[in-house]
Amino acid sequence: MNLKIQIIILVFSFVFGGFFGVLVNLNYKLIFNSNLRIRAIGTFSLILDLSLLYFFLIKKINYATLHPYFLLVLFLGFYVGFSYSRFLRK
């Protein structure tokens, strides 16, 4: 994999992690609901949809070659997006 594709994937992973963090804050009431069924369905559907979307887009960009650095940048983007969008929980 050449350097240009790696940089594109790193930037994409960071942006997608931020997007994921914002969506977790938007769905905060659904994920942390007191009803166990609603909480399980909401969490499962959010995680499944976003992970399938991430791997589908990774497949389109670099034929689904995944490196641990991409996941580290994804988690860093999630932390940044989650931290800066806490006001959306209302």
C-alpha atoms as a PDB file:
ATOM      1  CA  MET A   1       0.000   0.000   0.000  1.00  0.00           C
ATOM      2  CA  ASN A   2       1.507   3.321  -0.994  1.00  0.00           C
ATOM      3  CA  LEU A   3       1.845   6.377   1.225  1.00  0.00           C
ATOM      4  CA  LYS A   4      -0.945   8.369  -0.438  1.00  0.00           C
ATOM      5  CA  ILE A   5      -3.550   5.694   0.273  1.00  0.00           C
ATOM      6  CA  GLN A   6      -2.335   5.340   3.864  1.00  0.00           C
ATOM      7  CA  ILE A   7      -2.712   9.064   4.495  1.00  0.00           C
ATOM      8  CA  ILE A   8      -6.193   9.043   2.940  1.00  0.00           C
ATOM      9  CA  ILE A   9      -7.219   6.123   5.159  1.00  0.00           C
ATOM     10  CA  LEU A  10      -5.778   7.767   8.290  1.00  0.00           C
ATOM     11  CA  VAL A  11      -7.705  10.984   7.619  1.00  0.00           C
ATOM     12  CA  PHE A  12     -10.851   9.012   6.764  1.00  0.00           C
ATOM     13  CA  SER A  13     -10.543   6.951   9.961  1.00  0.00           C
ATOM     14  CA  PHE A  14     -10.166  10.074  12.085  1.00  0.00           C
ATOM     15  CA  VAL A  15     -13.177  11.767  10.457  1.00  0.00           C
ATOM     16  CA  PHE A  16     -15.282   8.614  10.712  1.00  0.00           C
ATOM     17  CA  GLY A  17     -14.317   8.238  14.382  1.00  0.00           C
ATOM     18  CA  GLY A  18     -15.482  11.801  15.012  1.00  0.00           C
ATOM     19  CA  PHE A  19     -18.718  11.079  13.154  1.00  0.00           C
ATOM     20  CA  PHE A  20     -19.179   7.956  15.285  1.00  0.00           C
ATOM     21  CA  GLY A  21     -18.617   9.931  18.496  1.00  0.00           C
ATOM     22  CA  VAL A  22     -21.194  12.528  17.480  1.00  0.00           C
ATOM     23  CA  LEU A  23     -23.750   9.814  16.651  1.00  0.00           C
ATOM     24  CA  VAL A  24     -23.209   8.158  20.035  1.00  0.00           C
ATOM     25  CA  ASN A  25     -24.003  11.473  21.724  1.00  0.00           C
ATOM     26  CA  LEU A  26     -27.060  11.986  19.518  1.00  0.00           C
ATOM     27  CA  ASN A  27     -28.369   8.518  20.415  1.00  0.00           C
ATOM     28  CA  TYR A  28     -27.459   8.834  24.096  1.00  0.00           C
ATOM     29  CA  LYS A  29     -31.031   8.463  25.360  1.00  0.00           C
ATOM     30  CA  LEU A  30     -31.557   5.374  23.224  1.00  0.00           C
ATOM     31  CA  ILE A  31     -28.292   3.692  24.202  1.00  0.00           C
ATOM     32  CA  PHE A  32     -28.619   4.386  27.938  1.00  0.00           C
ATOM     33  CA  ASN A  33     -32.354   3.770  28.243  1.00  0.00           C
ATOM     34  CA  SER A  34     -33.712   2.044  31.360  1.00  0.00           C
ATOM     35  CA  ASN A  35     -35.585  -0.538  29.271  1.00  0.00           C
ATOM     36  CA  LEU A  36     -33.202  -3.395  28.504  1.00  0.00           C
ATOM     37  CA  ARG A  37     -34.787  -4.308  25.160  1.00  0.00           C
ATOM     38  CA  ILE A  38     -34.653  -0.781  23.793  1.00  0.00           C
ATOM     39  CA  ARG A  39     -31.072  -0.395  25.012  1.00  0.00           C
ATOM     40  CA  ALA A  40     -29.974  -3.686  23.412  1.00  0.00           C
ATOM     41  CA  ILE A  41     -31.679  -3.008  20.083  1.00  0.00           C
ATOM     42  CA  GLY A  42     -30.430   0.590  19.934  1.00  0.00           C
ATOM     43  CA  THR A  43     -26.847  -0.310  20.770  1.00  0.00           C
ATOM     44  CA  PHE A  44     -26.764  -3.311  18.448  1.00  0.00           C
ATOM     45  CA  SER A  45     -28.227  -1.440  15.496  1.00  0.00           C
ATOM     46  CA  LEU A  46     -25.925   1.578  15.950  1.00  0.00           C
ATOM     47  CA  ILE A  47     -22.763  -0.509  16.243  1.00  0.00           C
ATOM     48  CA  LEU A  48     -23.725  -2.871  13.420  1.00  0.00           C
ATOM     49  CA  ASP A  49     -24.688  -0.099  11.005  1.00  0.00           C
ATOM     50  CA  LEU A  50     -21.617   2.028  11.625  1.00  0.00           C
ATOM     51  CA  SER A  51     -19.145  -0.856  11.567  1.00  0.00           C
ATOM     52  CA  LEU A  52     -20.589  -2.156   8.292  1.00  0.00           C
ATOM     53  CA  LEU A  53     -20.437   1.345   6.836  1.00  0.00           C
ATOM     54  CA  TYR A  54     -16.802   1.765   7.956  1.00  0.00           C
ATOM     55  CA  PHE A  55     -15.666  -1.523   6.456  1.00  0.00           C
ATOM     56  CA  PHE A  56     -17.634  -0.936   3.262  1.00  0.00           C
ATOM     57  CA  LEU A  57     -15.946   2.432   2.769  1.00  0.00           C
ATOM     58  CA  ILE A  58     -12.533   0.981   3.652  1.00  0.00           C
ATOM     59  CA  LYS A  59     -13.151  -1.679   1.026  1.00  0.00           C
ATOM     60  CA  LYS A  60     -13.905   0.998  -1.562  1.00  0.00           C
ATOM     61  CA  ILE A  61     -10.783   2.995  -0.721  1.00  0.00           C
ATOM     62  CA  ASN A  62      -8.088   0.331  -0.312  1.00  0.00           C
ATOM     63  CA  TYR A  63      -9.676  -3.099  -0.837  1.00  0.00           C
ATOM     64  CA  ALA A  64     -10.284  -3.680   2.903  1.00  0.00           C
ATOM     65  CA  THR A  65      -6.662  -3.760   3.980  1.00  0.00           C
ATOM     66  CA  LEU A  66      -6.815  -2.932   7.656  1.00  0.00           C
ATOM     67  CA  HIS A  67      -3.865  -1.895   9.790  1.00  0.00           C
ATOM     68  CA  PRO A  68      -3.825  -1.368  13.584  1.00  0.00           C
ATOM     69  CA  TYR A  69      -2.862   2.278  13.067  1.00  0.00           C
ATOM     70  CA  PHE A  70      -6.147   2.851  11.255  1.00  0.00           C
ATOM     71  CA  LEU A  71      -8.059   1.567  14.265  1.00  0.00           C
ATOM     72  CA  LEU A  72      -5.998   3.688  16.661  1.00  0.00           C
ATOM     73  CA  VAL A  73      -6.787   6.799  14.631  1.00  0.00           C
ATOM     74  CA  LEU A  74     -10.454   5.747  14.518  1.00  0.00           C
ATOM     75  CA  PHE A  75     -10.547   5.557  18.330  1.00  0.00           C
ATOM     76  CA  LEU A  76      -8.747   8.894  18.596  1.00  0.00           C
ATOM     77  CA  GLY A  77     -11.335  10.465  16.288  1.00  0.00           C
ATOM     78  CA  PHE A  78     -14.111   8.897  18.361  1.00  0.00           C
ATOM     79  CA  TYR A  79     -12.666  10.397  21.535  1.00  0.00           C
ATOM     80  CA  VAL A  80     -12.362  13.848  19.976  1.00  0.00           C
ATOM     81  CA  GLY A  81     -15.846  13.720  18.438  1.00  0.00           C
ATOM     82  CA  PHE A  82     -17.389  12.364  21.625  1.00  0.00           C
ATOM     83  CA  SER A  83     -15.692  14.994  23.786  1.00  0.00           C
ATOM     84  CA  TYR A  84     -16.641  17.965  21.610  1.00  0.00           C
ATOM     85  CA  SER A  85     -20.274  16.945  21.104  1.00  0.00           C
ATOM     86  CA  ARG A  86     -21.403  16.303  24.674  1.00  0.00           C
ATOM     87  CA  PHE A  87     -23.846  19.218  24.413  1.00  0.00           C
ATOM     88  CA  LEU A  88     -25.970  17.099  22.015  1.00  0.00           C
ATOM     89  CA  ARG A  89     -27.122  14.761  24.818  1.00  0.00           C
ATOM     90  CA  LYS A  90     -30.066  16.973  25.782  1.00  0.00           C
END
